[in-house]
C-alpha atoms as a PDB file:
ATOM      1  CA  UNK A   1     109.958 134.470 113.817  1.00  0.00           C
ATOM      2  CA  UNK A   2     107.034 136.228 114.929  1.00  0.00           C
ATOM      3  CA  UNK A   3     107.082 137.750 118.317  1.00  0.00           C
ATOM      4  CA  UNK A   4     103.299 137.391 118.697  1.00  0.00           C
ATOM      5  CA  UNK A   5     103.657 137.605 122.312  1.00  0.00           C
ATOM      6  CA  UNK A   6     104.889 141.065 122.430  1.00  0.00           C
ATOM      7  CA  UNK A   7     101.767 142.359 120.953  1.00  0.00           C
ATOM      8  CA  UNK A   8      99.443 139.724 123.335  1.00  0.00           C
ATOM      9  CA  UNK A   9     101.189 139.668 126.383  1.00  0.00           C
ATOM     10  CA  UNK A  10      98.830 136.871 127.752  1.00  0.00           C
ATOM     11  CA  UNK A  11      98.627 133.215 127.398  1.00  0.00           C
ATOM     12  CA  UNK A  12      96.162 131.191 128.760  1.00  0.00           C
ATOM     13  CA  UNK A  13      97.711 127.602 130.220  1.00  0.00           C
ATOM     14  CA  UNK A  14      95.477 125.436 128.593  1.00  0.00           C
ATOM     15  CA  UNK A  15      97.042 122.220 126.845  1.00  0.00           C
ATOM     16  CA  UNK A  16      94.657 121.557 124.001  1.00  0.00           C
ATOM     17  CA  UNK A  17      97.307 119.200 122.094  1.00  0.00           C
ATOM     18  CA  UNK A  18      99.809 119.407 119.553  1.00  0.00           C
ATOM     19  CA  UNK A  19      99.173 118.781 115.766  1.00  0.00           C
ATOM     20  CA  UNK A  20     102.388 117.346 114.378  1.00  0.00           C
ATOM     21  CA  UNK A  21     101.009 115.667 111.339  1.00  0.00           C
ATOM     22  CA  UNK A  22     100.254 112.120 109.936  1.00  0.00           C
ATOM     23  CA  UNK A  23     101.359 109.956 107.319  1.00  0.00           C
ATOM     24  CA  UNK A  24      98.439 108.414 105.393  1.00  0.00           C
ATOM     25  CA  UNK A  25      99.099 105.219 103.026  1.00  0.00           C
ATOM     26  CA  UNK A  26      96.301 103.902 100.902  1.00  0.00           C
ATOM     27  CA  UNK A  27      95.198 100.422 101.566  1.00  0.00           C
ATOM     28  CA  UNK A  28      96.180  99.091  98.028  1.00  0.00           C
ATOM     29  CA  UNK A  29      99.590 100.851  98.382  1.00  0.00           C
ATOM     30  CA  UNK A  30     100.195  99.105 101.717  1.00  0.00           C
ATOM     31  CA  UNK A  31      99.246  95.785 100.717  1.00  0.00           C
ATOM     32  CA  UNK A  32     102.071  95.863  98.114  1.00  0.00           C
ATOM     33  CA  UNK A  33     104.339  95.879 100.662  1.00  0.00           C
ATOM     34  CA  UNK A  34     105.836  92.240 101.775  1.00  0.00           C
ATOM     35  CA  UNK A  35     103.335  91.385 104.830  1.00  0.00           C
ATOM     36  CA  UNK A  36     106.888  90.523 106.910  1.00  0.00           C
ATOM     37  CA  UNK A  37     108.102  94.169 106.762  1.00  0.00           C
ATOM     38  CA  UNK A  38     104.899  95.726 107.554  1.00  0.00           C
ATOM     39  CA  UNK A  39     105.438  95.305 111.381  1.00  0.00           C
ATOM     40  CA  UNK A  40     109.056  96.621 110.945  1.00  0.00           C
ATOM     41  CA  UNK A  41     107.708  99.687 109.287  1.00  0.00           C
ATOM     42  CA  UNK A  42     104.965 100.150 111.945  1.00  0.00           C
ATOM     43  CA  UNK A  43     107.863  99.837 114.512  1.00  0.00           C
ATOM     44  CA  UNK A  44     110.036 102.336 113.054  1.00  0.00           C
ATOM     45  CA  UNK A  45     106.894 104.739 112.594  1.00  0.00           C
ATOM     46  CA  UNK A  46     106.166 104.550 116.481  1.00  0.00           C
ATOM     47  CA  UNK A  47     109.823 105.014 117.287  1.00  0.00           C
ATOM     48  CA  UNK A  48     109.685 108.503 115.155  1.00  0.00           C
ATOM     49  CA  UNK A  49     106.277 109.342 116.480  1.00  0.00           C
ATOM     50  CA  UNK A  50     107.575 109.055 120.144  1.00  0.00           C
ATOM     51  CA  UNK A  51     110.671 111.003 119.169  1.00  0.00           C
ATOM     52  CA  UNK A  52     108.697 113.854 117.430  1.00  0.00           C
ATOM     53  CA  UNK A  53     106.137 114.037 120.344  1.00  0.00           C
ATOM     54  CA  UNK A  54     108.601 114.412 122.907  1.00  0.00           C
ATOM     55  CA  UNK A  55     110.674 116.950 120.805  1.00  0.00           C
ATOM     56  CA  UNK A  56     107.581 119.019 120.087  1.00  0.00           C
ATOM     57  CA  UNK A  57     106.538 119.236 123.724  1.00  0.00           C
ATOM     58  CA  UNK A  58     110.273 120.334 124.633  1.00  0.00           C
ATOM     59  CA  UNK A  59     110.532 122.760 121.830  1.00  0.00           C
ATOM     60  CA  UNK A  60     107.032 124.215 123.214  1.00  0.00           C
ATOM     61  CA  UNK A  61     107.883 124.173 126.681  1.00  0.00           C
ATOM     62  CA  UNK A  62     111.617 125.976 126.142  1.00  0.00           C
ATOM     63  CA  UNK A  63     109.743 128.424 123.814  1.00  0.00           C
ATOM     64  CA  UNK A  64     106.979 129.429 126.482  1.00  0.00           C
ATOM     65  CA  UNK A  65     110.128 129.875 129.068  1.00  0.00           C
ATOM     66  CA  UNK A  66     111.668 132.026 126.510  1.00  0.00           C
ATOM     67  CA  UNK A  67     108.678 134.211 126.034  1.00  0.00           C
ATOM     68  CA  UNK A  68     108.345 134.288 129.932  1.00  0.00           C
ATOM     69  CA  UNK A  69     111.596 135.887 130.203  1.00  0.00           C
ATOM     70  CA  UNK A  70     110.705 138.508 127.599  1.00  0.00           C
ATOM     71  CA  UNK A  71     107.291 139.581 129.724  1.00  0.00           C
ATOM     72  CA  UNK A  72     104.690 136.728 128.529  1.00  0.00           C
ATOM     73  CA  UNK A  73     102.130 136.343 131.367  1.00  0.00           C
ATOM     74  CA  UNK A  74     100.546 132.895 131.824  1.00  0.00           C
ATOM     75  CA  UNK A  75      96.971 133.111 133.313  1.00  0.00           C
ATOM     76  CA  UNK A  76      95.069 130.059 134.614  1.00  0.00           C
ATOM     77  CA  UNK A  77      91.785 129.221 132.859  1.00  0.00           C
ATOM     78  CA  UNK A  78      88.604 130.204 135.055  1.00  0.00           C
ATOM     79  CA  UNK A  79      85.795 128.037 134.536  1.00  0.00           C
ATOM     80  CA  UNK A  80      86.839 124.735 132.414  1.00  0.00           C
ATOM     81  CA  UNK A  81      83.367 123.859 131.508  1.00  0.00           C
ATOM     82  CA  UNK A  82      82.651 127.267 129.593  1.00  0.00           C
ATOM     83  CA  UNK A  83      86.093 126.697 127.805  1.00  0.00           C
ATOM     84  CA  UNK A  84      85.049 123.152 126.898  1.00  0.00           C
ATOM     85  CA  UNK A  85      81.713 124.352 125.480  1.00  0.00           C
ATOM     86  CA  UNK A  86      83.543 126.965 123.372  1.00  0.00           C
ATOM     87  CA  UNK A  87      85.649 124.034 122.058  1.00  0.00           C
ATOM     88  CA  UNK A  88      82.727 121.932 121.199  1.00  0.00           C
ATOM     89  CA  UNK A  89      81.582 124.989 119.221  1.00  0.00           C
ATOM     90  CA  UNK A  90      84.725 125.441 117.337  1.00  0.00           C
ATOM     91  CA  UNK A  91      84.577 121.754 116.635  1.00  0.00           C
ATOM     92  CA  UNK A  92      81.223 122.107 114.782  1.00  0.00           C
ATOM     93  CA  UNK A  93      82.676 124.646 112.683  1.00  0.00           C
ATOM     94  CA  UNK A  94      85.715 122.677 111.944  1.00  0.00           C
ATOM     95  CA  UNK A  95      83.258 119.693 110.936  1.00  0.00           C
ATOM     96  CA  UNK A  96      81.201 121.720 108.752  1.00  0.00           C
ATOM     97  CA  UNK A  97      84.541 122.960 106.738  1.00  0.00           C
ATOM     98  CA  UNK A  98      86.125 119.481 106.226  1.00  0.00           C
ATOM     99  CA  UNK A  99      82.817 117.590 105.467  1.00  0.00           C
ATOM    100  CA  UNK A 100      80.770 115.793 108.230  1.00  0.00           C
ATOM    101  CA  UNK A 101      81.479 112.200 106.923  1.00  0.00           C
ATOM    102  CA  UNK A 102      84.893 112.774 106.392  1.00  0.00           C
ATOM    103  CA  UNK A 103      85.468 114.473 110.028  1.00  0.00           C
ATOM    104  CA  UNK A 104      83.417 111.689 111.647  1.00  0.00           C
ATOM    105  CA  UNK A 105      85.550 109.016 110.035  1.00  0.00           C
ATOM    106  CA  UNK A 106      88.760 110.717 111.205  1.00  0.00           C
ATOM    107  CA  UNK A 107      87.359 111.162 114.701  1.00  0.00           C
ATOM    108  CA  UNK A 108      86.231 107.601 114.944  1.00  0.00           C
ATOM    109  CA  UNK A 109      89.918 106.103 114.072  1.00  0.00           C
ATOM    110  CA  UNK A 110      91.398 108.968 116.481  1.00  0.00           C
ATOM    111  CA  UNK A 111      89.101 107.730 119.360  1.00  0.00           C
ATOM    112  CA  UNK A 112      89.776 104.102 118.463  1.00  0.00           C
ATOM    113  CA  UNK A 113      93.409 104.655 118.726  1.00  0.00           C
ATOM    114  CA  UNK A 114      93.196 106.432 121.774  1.00  0.00           C
ATOM    115  CA  UNK A 115      91.017 103.486 123.412  1.00  0.00           C
ATOM    116  CA  UNK A 116      94.146 101.545 122.359  1.00  0.00           C
ATOM    117  CA  UNK A 117      96.769 103.648 123.493  1.00  0.00           C
ATOM    118  CA  UNK A 118      95.863 105.108 126.736  1.00  0.00           C
ATOM    119  CA  UNK A 119      98.579 107.043 128.329  1.00  0.00           C
END
């Protein structure tokens, strides 16, 4: 493992989110699956999603606790608005790197999903 915290002993307490991955199925492949099985597959996938999300969050919390025991200092951000501006600037770099139209399409689907699954 990388003990990055031993060289950089401070961490900013900001929850940007967790990137755990995705499964993408082409439409023509999805449509080859019998229609009556698709809802079952989606239900199974949702179950795994919830399990993985909970597991990743727990692992993250456990790792932070272990690093704190070894001297990591957790700091609170000062001005959130400044951090959000910096994130938006980074967002523009990512968009330029992956391609604007692809990025916009992915973001559109993300926003639609979030609107339907508010937590």
